[in-house]
Protein backbone atom coordinates (compact mmCIF):
# COMPACT_ATOMS: atom_id res chain seq x y z
CA MET A 1 28.63 13.78 3.85
CA GLU A 2 27.63 10.24 4.65
CA LEU A 3 24.07 8.94 4.34
CA PRO A 4 22.60 5.56 5.30
CA SER A 5 22.63 3.37 2.22
CA THR A 6 20.35 0.46 3.12
CA VAL A 7 16.86 0.12 4.56
CA ASP A 8 18.34 -1.34 7.76
CA ASP A 9 20.80 1.56 8.04
CA ILE A 10 17.96 4.06 7.64
CA ARG A 11 15.91 2.28 10.31
CA ALA A 12 18.86 2.37 12.71
CA ALA A 13 19.52 6.07 12.07
CA LEU A 14 15.95 7.28 12.52
CA PRO A 15 14.74 8.65 15.83
CA ALA A 16 12.26 6.31 17.53
CA GLY A 17 9.34 8.65 16.83
CA ARG A 18 9.83 8.44 13.06
CA GLN A 19 10.30 4.68 12.66
CA GLU A 20 6.59 3.89 12.47
CA GLU A 21 6.11 6.51 9.74
CA PHE A 22 9.09 5.09 7.85
CA GLU A 23 7.68 1.55 8.00
CA ALA A 24 4.31 2.74 6.68
CA GLU A 25 5.95 4.62 3.80
CA LEU A 26 8.19 1.66 3.03
CA ALA A 27 5.21 -0.70 2.86
CA ARG A 28 3.41 1.71 0.51
CA PHE A 29 6.53 2.04 -1.67
CA ILE A 30 7.09 -1.72 -1.89
CA GLY A 31 3.40 -2.33 -2.58
CA HIS A 32 3.47 0.15 -5.46
CA TRP A 33 6.51 -1.45 -7.08
CA ALA A 34 5.25 -4.98 -6.47
CA LEU A 35 2.11 -4.08 -8.44
CA GLU A 36 4.30 -2.74 -11.25
CA CYS A 37 5.66 -6.29 -11.58
CA ARG A 38 2.12 -7.61 -12.14
CA PRO A 39 0.30 -5.30 -14.56
CA ASP A 40 -2.56 -7.80 -14.76
CA ILE A 41 -3.31 -7.37 -11.05
CA ARG A 42 -2.82 -3.59 -11.25
CA ASP A 43 -5.28 -3.40 -14.18
CA ALA A 44 -7.82 -5.58 -12.35
CA ASP A 45 -7.58 -3.30 -9.29
CA ARG A 46 -8.01 -0.23 -11.48
CA ALA A 47 -11.09 -1.76 -13.12
CA THR A 48 -12.57 -2.58 -9.70
CA PHE A 49 -12.13 0.99 -8.47
CA GLU A 50 -13.59 2.37 -11.70
CA ARG A 51 -16.68 0.19 -11.17
CA LEU A 52 -17.03 1.45 -7.60
CA GLU A 53 -16.61 5.07 -8.68
CA GLN A 54 -19.48 4.55 -11.15
CA GLY A 55 -21.65 3.25 -8.30
CA ASP A 56 -21.51 -0.45 -9.18
CA THR A 57 -21.18 -2.26 -5.86
CA SER A 58 -22.35 -5.66 -7.11
CA GLY A 59 -20.27 -8.46 -5.64
CA PHE A 60 -19.21 -6.38 -2.62
CA THR A 61 -20.31 -6.79 0.99
CA ALA A 62 -20.45 -3.80 3.32
CA ALA A 63 -18.10 -4.21 6.27
CA GLU A 64 -20.91 -3.68 8.80
CA ASP A 65 -22.76 -6.66 7.26
CA LEU A 66 -19.86 -8.99 8.08
CA ASP A 67 -20.61 -8.91 11.81
CA SER A 68 -24.15 -10.25 11.35
């Protein structure tokens, strides 16, 4: 059995309807591993989300306020 062995080979082998899904998953995968290379950024992101989960929205602007 032969399988595609590179990202470009996988892209070429996928049916057109699945390529967009593949690109989204690939971006998510690369983003995850890129953050693993920078634990300082990953930890800062985690701290930001923890603040938001606790209801602390200081320093944030609601998206609807940006249009004003």
